[in-house]
């Protein structure tokens, strides 16, 4: 059971890191650069490999260089600002009572 937990923990941590990148993009577009930076740091602390993703790079560069062009690039990346797909709950999922 611990092996399964470790596997699910890794998947959940990766998913949360990518969610943090999405939040960083949203806050950057909203003009809250401090909160955007915090979410980028959270994403990288959850999963270092997220910093290799194009989405992370675009948001990070826009934040670092204050690029207005970067904001347009952020808005052009599918599934970054708004999640466009949902995921099935991993097994053994059950609702909290």
N, C-alpha and C. Protein backbone atom coordinates (compact mmCIF):
# COMPACT_ATOMS: atom_id res chain seq x y z
N UNK A 1 0.82 -1.20 0.00
CA UNK A 1 0.00 0.00 0.00
C UNK A 1 0.87 1.27 0.00
N UNK A 2 2.04 1.21 0.62
CA UNK A 2 2.93 2.37 0.63
C UNK A 2 3.47 2.69 -0.76
N UNK A 3 3.72 1.64 -1.55
CA UNK A 3 4.18 1.89 -2.92
C UNK A 3 3.12 2.65 -3.71
N UNK A 4 1.89 2.24 -3.55
CA UNK A 4 0.79 2.91 -4.25
C UNK A 4 0.65 4.36 -3.77
N UNK A 5 0.80 4.57 -2.47
CA UNK A 5 0.73 5.93 -1.92
C UNK A 5 1.85 6.79 -2.51
N UNK A 6 3.05 6.26 -2.55
CA UNK A 6 4.18 7.02 -3.10
C UNK A 6 3.93 7.39 -4.56
N UNK A 7 3.36 6.45 -5.32
CA UNK A 7 3.05 6.71 -6.73
C UNK A 7 2.00 7.82 -6.85
N UNK A 8 0.94 7.73 -6.07
CA UNK A 8 -0.11 8.74 -6.12
C UNK A 8 0.38 10.09 -5.61
N UNK A 9 1.24 10.07 -4.60
CA UNK A 9 1.79 11.32 -4.07
C UNK A 9 2.61 12.05 -5.13
N UNK A 10 3.40 11.31 -5.87
CA UNK A 10 4.21 11.91 -6.93
C UNK A 10 3.32 12.54 -8.01
N UNK A 11 2.28 11.82 -8.41
CA UNK A 11 1.35 12.36 -9.42
C UNK A 11 0.62 13.59 -8.90
N UNK A 12 0.18 13.54 -7.66
CA UNK A 12 -0.55 14.68 -7.08
C UNK A 12 0.36 15.89 -6.94
N UNK A 13 1.59 15.66 -6.53
CA UNK A 13 2.53 16.76 -6.36
C UNK A 13 2.82 17.43 -7.70
N UNK A 14 3.00 16.63 -8.74
CA UNK A 14 3.23 17.18 -10.08
C UNK A 14 2.02 17.99 -10.56
N UNK A 15 0.83 17.47 -10.31
CA UNK A 15 -0.39 18.17 -10.71
C UNK A 15 -0.51 19.50 -9.98
N UNK A 16 -0.20 19.52 -8.69
CA UNK A 16 -0.27 20.77 -7.92
C UNK A 16 0.77 21.77 -8.39
N UNK A 17 1.92 21.30 -8.80
CA UNK A 17 2.95 22.21 -9.32
C UNK A 17 2.46 22.88 -10.59
N UNK A 18 1.83 22.13 -11.47
CA UNK A 18 1.31 22.72 -12.70
C UNK A 18 0.13 23.66 -12.44
N UNK A 19 -0.66 23.34 -11.43
CA UNK A 19 -1.74 24.23 -11.03
C UNK A 19 -1.17 25.55 -10.50
N UNK A 20 -0.09 25.47 -9.75
CA UNK A 20 0.55 26.68 -9.23
C UNK A 20 1.07 27.56 -10.37
N UNK A 21 1.56 26.96 -11.44
CA UNK A 21 2.00 27.74 -12.61
C UNK A 21 0.80 28.44 -13.23
N UNK A 22 -0.34 27.76 -13.32
CA UNK A 22 -1.56 28.39 -13.86
C UNK A 22 -1.97 29.58 -13.00
N UNK A 23 -1.92 29.40 -11.68
CA UNK A 23 -2.27 30.51 -10.78
C UNK A 23 -1.29 31.67 -10.95
N UNK A 24 -0.02 31.36 -11.11
CA UNK A 24 0.98 32.42 -11.33
C UNK A 24 0.64 33.21 -12.58
N UNK A 25 0.25 32.52 -13.64
CA UNK A 25 -0.12 33.20 -14.89
C UNK A 25 -1.34 34.10 -14.67
N UNK A 26 -2.33 33.60 -13.96
CA UNK A 26 -3.54 34.39 -13.70
C UNK A 26 -3.21 35.65 -12.91
N UNK A 27 -2.40 35.51 -11.87
CA UNK A 27 -2.08 36.67 -11.04
C UNK A 27 -1.19 37.66 -11.78
N UNK A 28 -0.34 37.16 -12.64
CA UNK A 28 0.50 38.06 -13.43
C UNK A 28 -0.36 38.89 -14.38
N UNK A 29 -1.31 38.26 -15.02
CA UNK A 29 -2.23 38.98 -15.91
C UNK A 29 -3.07 39.99 -15.12
N UNK A 30 -3.42 39.62 -13.88
CA UNK A 30 -4.21 40.52 -13.03
C UNK A 30 -3.37 41.66 -12.46
N UNK A 31 -2.05 41.60 -12.66
CA UNK A 31 -1.18 42.67 -12.20
C UNK A 31 -0.57 42.47 -10.83
N UNK A 32 -0.80 41.32 -10.21
CA UNK A 32 -0.22 41.04 -8.89
C UNK A 32 1.07 40.24 -9.06
N UNK A 33 2.15 40.95 -9.32
CA UNK A 33 3.43 40.30 -9.61
C UNK A 33 4.00 39.56 -8.40
N UNK A 34 3.77 40.09 -7.20
CA UNK A 34 4.29 39.42 -6.00
C UNK A 34 3.65 38.05 -5.82
N UNK A 35 2.34 38.00 -5.94
CA UNK A 35 1.64 36.72 -5.78
C UNK A 35 2.01 35.77 -6.92
N UNK A 36 2.16 36.29 -8.13
CA UNK A 36 2.57 35.46 -9.26
C UNK A 36 3.94 34.84 -8.97
N UNK A 37 4.87 35.63 -8.45
CA UNK A 37 6.21 35.12 -8.12
C UNK A 37 6.13 34.05 -7.04
N UNK A 38 5.28 34.26 -6.07
CA UNK A 38 5.13 33.25 -5.00
C UNK A 38 4.62 31.93 -5.55
N UNK A 39 3.65 32.00 -6.45
CA UNK A 39 3.13 30.76 -7.04
C UNK A 39 4.18 30.07 -7.91
N UNK A 40 5.01 30.84 -8.60
CA UNK A 40 6.08 30.21 -9.38
C UNK A 40 7.07 29.50 -8.45
N UNK A 41 7.39 30.15 -7.34
CA UNK A 41 8.29 29.50 -6.37
C UNK A 41 7.66 28.24 -5.78
N UNK A 42 6.36 28.32 -5.50
CA UNK A 42 5.65 27.14 -5.00
C UNK A 42 5.70 26.01 -6.01
N UNK A 43 5.45 26.33 -7.28
CA UNK A 43 5.47 25.31 -8.33
C UNK A 43 6.82 24.61 -8.37
N UNK A 44 7.89 25.39 -8.35
CA UNK A 44 9.23 24.81 -8.43
C UNK A 44 9.57 24.02 -7.17
N UNK A 45 9.08 24.47 -6.02
CA UNK A 45 9.37 23.74 -4.79
C UNK A 45 8.61 22.41 -4.72
N UNK A 46 7.44 22.37 -5.35
CA UNK A 46 6.69 21.11 -5.38
C UNK A 46 7.30 20.11 -6.35
N UNK A 47 7.75 20.60 -7.51
CA UNK A 47 8.30 19.72 -8.54
C UNK A 47 9.31 20.49 -9.38
N UNK A 48 10.58 20.24 -9.15
CA UNK A 48 11.64 20.98 -9.85
C UNK A 48 11.53 20.85 -11.37
N UNK A 49 11.02 19.73 -11.85
CA UNK A 49 10.96 19.53 -13.31
C UNK A 49 9.98 20.47 -13.99
N UNK A 50 9.07 21.09 -13.22
CA UNK A 50 8.10 22.00 -13.82
C UNK A 50 8.81 23.21 -14.45
N UNK A 51 9.99 23.53 -13.97
CA UNK A 51 10.72 24.67 -14.53
C UNK A 51 11.22 24.40 -15.95
N UNK A 52 11.13 23.15 -16.40
CA UNK A 52 11.49 22.82 -17.78
C UNK A 52 10.31 22.96 -18.74
N UNK A 53 9.12 23.18 -18.21
CA UNK A 53 7.92 23.30 -19.04
C UNK A 53 7.87 24.66 -19.73
N UNK A 54 7.33 24.68 -20.92
CA UNK A 54 7.19 25.93 -21.68
C UNK A 54 6.33 26.92 -20.90
N UNK A 55 5.26 26.45 -20.30
CA UNK A 55 4.37 27.33 -19.55
C UNK A 55 5.11 28.06 -18.43
N UNK A 56 5.91 27.31 -17.68
CA UNK A 56 6.68 27.90 -16.59
C UNK A 56 7.65 28.94 -17.15
N UNK A 57 8.32 28.60 -18.21
CA UNK A 57 9.32 29.49 -18.80
C UNK A 57 8.68 30.80 -19.27
N UNK A 58 7.53 30.71 -19.92
CA UNK A 58 6.86 31.91 -20.42
C UNK A 58 6.42 32.81 -19.26
N UNK A 59 5.82 32.21 -18.24
CA UNK A 59 5.37 33.00 -17.09
C UNK A 59 6.56 33.60 -16.36
N UNK A 60 7.60 32.81 -16.16
CA UNK A 60 8.79 33.28 -15.47
C UNK A 60 9.46 34.43 -16.22
N UNK A 61 9.61 34.29 -17.53
CA UNK A 61 10.23 35.35 -18.33
C UNK A 61 9.39 36.62 -18.31
N UNK A 62 8.08 36.46 -18.41
CA UNK A 62 7.20 37.63 -18.37
C UNK A 62 7.32 38.35 -17.03
N UNK A 63 7.42 37.59 -15.97
CA UNK A 63 7.55 38.17 -14.63
C UNK A 63 8.92 38.81 -14.45
N UNK A 64 9.96 38.13 -14.88
CA UNK A 64 11.32 38.62 -14.69
C UNK A 64 11.61 39.87 -15.51
N UNK A 65 11.19 39.87 -16.76
CA UNK A 65 11.52 40.96 -17.66
C UNK A 65 10.40 41.98 -17.82
N UNK A 66 9.27 41.75 -17.15
CA UNK A 66 8.15 42.68 -17.24
C UNK A 66 7.64 42.86 -18.65
N UNK A 67 7.70 41.81 -19.42
CA UNK A 67 7.35 41.88 -20.84
C UNK A 67 5.84 41.90 -21.04
N UNK A 68 5.34 42.94 -21.69
CA UNK A 68 3.91 42.98 -22.05
C UNK A 68 3.62 41.98 -23.17
N UNK A 69 4.63 41.73 -24.02
CA UNK A 69 4.46 40.71 -25.06
C UNK A 69 4.26 39.35 -24.42
N UNK A 70 4.91 39.13 -23.30
CA UNK A 70 4.79 37.85 -22.59
C UNK A 70 3.38 37.60 -22.11
N UNK A 71 2.66 38.67 -21.74
CA UNK A 71 1.28 38.50 -21.29
C UNK A 71 0.42 37.97 -22.42
N UNK A 72 0.64 38.48 -23.63
CA UNK A 72 -0.08 37.96 -24.78
C UNK A 72 0.28 36.51 -25.06
N UNK A 73 1.55 36.20 -24.86
CA UNK A 73 2.01 34.82 -25.06
C UNK A 73 1.37 33.90 -24.02
N UNK A 74 1.25 34.38 -22.78
CA UNK A 74 0.61 33.59 -21.72
C UNK A 74 -0.84 33.30 -22.10
N UNK A 75 -1.53 34.33 -22.54
CA UNK A 75 -2.94 34.17 -22.91
C UNK A 75 -3.13 33.24 -24.11
N UNK A 76 -2.08 33.09 -24.92
CA UNK A 76 -2.17 32.24 -26.11
C UNK A 76 -1.86 30.77 -25.85
N UNK A 77 -1.41 30.44 -24.66
CA UNK A 77 -1.09 29.04 -24.35
C UNK A 77 -2.36 28.32 -23.90
N UNK A 78 -2.78 27.31 -24.65
CA UNK A 78 -4.00 26.58 -24.26
C UNK A 78 -3.84 25.92 -22.90
N UNK A 79 -4.93 25.92 -22.14
CA UNK A 79 -5.00 25.22 -20.87
C UNK A 79 -4.13 25.87 -19.79
N UNK A 80 -3.68 27.10 -19.99
CA UNK A 80 -2.86 27.75 -18.96
C UNK A 80 -3.71 28.66 -18.08
N UNK A 81 -4.45 29.54 -18.67
CA UNK A 81 -5.26 30.46 -17.89
C UNK A 81 -6.49 29.76 -17.33
N UNK A 82 -7.14 28.98 -18.15
CA UNK A 82 -8.31 28.22 -17.72
C UNK A 82 -8.08 26.75 -18.04
N UNK A 83 -8.39 25.95 -17.06
CA UNK A 83 -8.27 24.51 -17.29
C UNK A 83 -9.36 24.11 -18.26
N UNK A 84 -8.97 23.46 -19.34
CA UNK A 84 -9.92 23.08 -20.37
C UNK A 84 -10.24 21.60 -20.36
N UNK A 85 -9.63 20.91 -19.45
CA UNK A 85 -9.93 19.49 -19.35
C UNK A 85 -10.00 19.10 -17.89
N UNK A 86 -10.81 18.13 -17.60
CA UNK A 86 -10.93 17.61 -16.24
C UNK A 86 -10.31 16.22 -16.21
N UNK A 87 -10.00 15.80 -15.04
CA UNK A 87 -9.34 14.50 -14.87
C UNK A 87 -10.18 13.62 -13.97
N UNK A 88 -10.14 12.35 -14.26
CA UNK A 88 -10.80 11.39 -13.39
C UNK A 88 -10.03 11.30 -12.08
N UNK A 89 -10.75 11.05 -11.02
CA UNK A 89 -10.10 10.87 -9.73
C UNK A 89 -9.29 9.58 -9.75
N UNK A 90 -8.09 9.59 -9.18
CA UNK A 90 -7.30 8.36 -9.15
C UNK A 90 -7.89 7.36 -8.16
N UNK A 91 -7.74 6.12 -8.47
CA UNK A 91 -8.18 5.05 -7.56
C UNK A 91 -7.16 4.94 -6.43
N UNK A 92 -7.51 4.66 -5.26
CA UNK A 92 -8.83 4.38 -4.72
C UNK A 92 -9.49 5.64 -4.17
N UNK A 93 -10.09 6.43 -5.02
CA UNK A 93 -10.74 7.67 -4.63
C UNK A 93 -12.08 7.38 -3.99
N UNK A 94 -12.38 8.14 -2.96
CA UNK A 94 -13.72 8.07 -2.35
C UNK A 94 -14.02 9.43 -1.73
N UNK A 95 -15.27 9.84 -1.75
CA UNK A 95 -15.62 11.16 -1.19
C UNK A 95 -15.44 11.17 0.32
N UNK A 96 -15.10 12.33 0.86
CA UNK A 96 -15.01 12.48 2.31
C UNK A 96 -16.40 12.52 2.90
N UNK A 97 -16.57 11.88 4.00
CA UNK A 97 -17.89 11.84 4.65
C UNK A 97 -18.01 12.95 5.66
